Amino acid sequence: MVVDAAAPSRWRRHGRIMRVLSMIAGGLCVLLVVHPSLGYAPRGSVIAGADLRWEIMEIVWWLFLAMGATATVEVALLPSATPRPLWYVVPYMLGAVVAYKVLPIIDRYY
């Protein structure tokens, strides 16, 4: 692996973006715990009133893991000559697409 001058800032930038995304995911989980009605099955469903908060939080973190792992691999594979705006778009959009594609697999087990 060739270490170039852009590598340290590349990983710092990736770390910052992943910290922000993890704070957003954590904030959504806190909102699930604090809010009085989020995370419960609707009244007309078969599992009416069931507490689904912990399952929803698990799904959020599995999706975050899929997105973060994909974005990390993409950051490692992007060449140094990539224009700066693409550094902020390509890895995280590809990660979001992979997380979206993983949803049916997660849905099968939850």
Protein backbone atom coordinates (compact mmCIF):
# COMPACT_ATOMS: atom_id res chain seq x y z
CA MET A 1 0.00 0.00 0.00
CA VAL A 2 1.38 3.37 -1.01
CA VAL A 3 1.10 6.12 1.58
CA ASP A 4 0.59 9.52 0.00
CA ALA A 5 0.18 13.02 1.37
CA ALA A 6 -3.61 12.91 1.05
CA ALA A 7 -4.01 9.76 3.18
CA PRO A 8 -3.97 11.32 6.67
CA SER A 9 -6.51 14.01 5.80
CA ARG A 10 -8.58 11.40 3.96
CA TRP A 11 -8.93 9.30 7.09
CA ARG A 12 -9.47 12.31 9.37
CA ARG A 13 -12.25 13.53 7.09
CA HIS A 14 -13.77 10.04 7.01
CA GLY A 15 -13.56 9.84 10.80
CA ARG A 16 -15.33 13.18 11.18
CA ILE A 17 -18.11 12.21 8.80
CA MET A 18 -18.58 8.83 10.47
CA ARG A 19 -18.72 10.51 13.91
CA VAL A 20 -21.45 12.86 12.68
CA LEU A 21 -23.40 9.98 11.16
CA SER A 22 -23.05 7.92 14.34
CA MET A 23 -24.29 10.88 16.39
CA ILE A 24 -27.33 11.12 14.09
CA ALA A 25 -28.02 7.37 14.48
CA GLY A 26 -27.52 7.65 18.24
CA GLY A 27 -29.85 10.64 18.38
CA LEU A 28 -32.54 8.67 16.57
CA CYS A 29 -32.12 5.84 19.09
CA VAL A 30 -32.38 8.27 22.00
CA LEU A 31 -35.52 9.72 20.42
CA LEU A 32 -36.98 6.20 20.27
CA VAL A 33 -36.33 5.69 23.98
CA VAL A 34 -37.55 9.11 25.10
CA HIS A 35 -40.62 9.58 22.88
CA PRO A 36 -43.79 8.11 24.45
CA SER A 37 -45.26 6.55 21.29
CA LEU A 38 -42.41 5.90 18.83
CA GLY A 39 -41.34 2.28 18.56
CA TYR A 40 -44.65 0.70 19.48
CA ALA A 41 -46.77 -1.32 17.06
CA PRO A 42 -49.92 0.50 15.85
CA ARG A 43 -53.28 -0.29 17.42
CA GLY A 44 -54.83 -2.07 14.44
CA SER A 45 -51.98 -4.53 13.91
CA VAL A 46 -51.68 -8.14 15.06
CA ILE A 47 -48.94 -7.17 17.53
CA ALA A 48 -50.76 -4.08 18.77
CA GLY A 49 -48.88 -2.25 21.50
CA ALA A 50 -45.74 -4.37 21.23
CA ASP A 51 -42.54 -2.60 22.26
CA LEU A 52 -40.35 -2.66 19.15
CA ARG A 53 -37.88 0.03 20.21
CA TRP A 54 -34.89 -2.25 20.80
CA GLU A 55 -35.44 -4.10 17.52
CA ILE A 56 -35.63 -0.80 15.65
CA MET A 57 -32.40 0.34 17.31
CA GLU A 58 -30.68 -2.90 16.32
CA ILE A 59 -31.78 -2.40 12.73
CA VAL A 60 -30.50 1.20 12.76
CA TRP A 61 -27.09 0.07 13.97
CA TRP A 62 -26.90 -2.82 11.49
CA LEU A 63 -27.66 -0.35 8.69
CA PHE A 64 -25.05 2.03 10.07
CA LEU A 65 -22.53 -0.82 10.15
CA ALA A 66 -23.26 -1.76 6.51
CA MET A 67 -23.03 1.86 5.39
CA GLY A 68 -19.89 2.56 7.43
CA ALA A 69 -18.04 -0.57 6.28
CA THR A 70 -18.85 0.18 2.64
CA ALA A 71 -17.81 3.81 2.98
CA THR A 72 -14.53 2.80 4.68
CA VAL A 73 -13.66 0.39 1.89
CA GLU A 74 -14.55 3.03 -0.69
CA VAL A 75 -12.39 5.66 1.05
CA ALA A 76 -9.49 3.21 1.01
CA LEU A 77 -9.98 2.48 -2.70
CA LEU A 78 -10.55 6.01 -4.03
CA PRO A 79 -7.44 7.33 -5.76
CA SER A 80 -5.76 10.46 -4.45
CA ALA A 81 -6.45 12.34 -7.68
CA THR A 82 -10.21 12.22 -7.05
CA PRO A 83 -11.71 15.74 -6.94
CA ARG A 84 -12.50 16.91 -3.42
CA PRO A 85 -16.33 17.12 -3.81
CA LEU A 86 -16.41 13.46 -4.80
CA TRP A 87 -14.67 12.54 -1.53
CA TYR A 88 -17.78 13.72 0.29
CA VAL A 89 -20.31 12.16 -2.06
CA VAL A 90 -19.12 8.86 -3.51
CA PRO A 91 -18.26 6.76 -0.41
CA TYR A 92 -21.28 7.77 1.64
CA MET A 93 -23.82 7.58 -1.19
CA LEU A 94 -22.50 4.15 -2.12
CA GLY A 95 -22.71 3.20 1.55
CA ALA A 96 -26.32 4.39 1.68
CA VAL A 97 -27.15 2.32 -1.42
CA VAL A 98 -25.56 -0.78 0.14
CA ALA A 99 -27.48 -0.18 3.38
CA TYR A 100 -30.69 0.10 1.33
CA LYS A 101 -29.87 -3.15 -0.46
CA VAL A 102 -29.19 -4.89 2.88
CA LEU A 103 -32.67 -4.00 4.16
CA PRO A 104 -34.35 -7.15 2.71
CA ILE A 105 -31.73 -9.33 4.40
CA ILE A 106 -32.24 -7.59 7.73
CA ASP A 107 -36.01 -7.77 7.24
CA ARG A 108 -35.78 -11.52 6.88
CA TYR A 109 -34.22 -11.89 10.34
CA TYR A 110 -36.14 -9.21 12.26
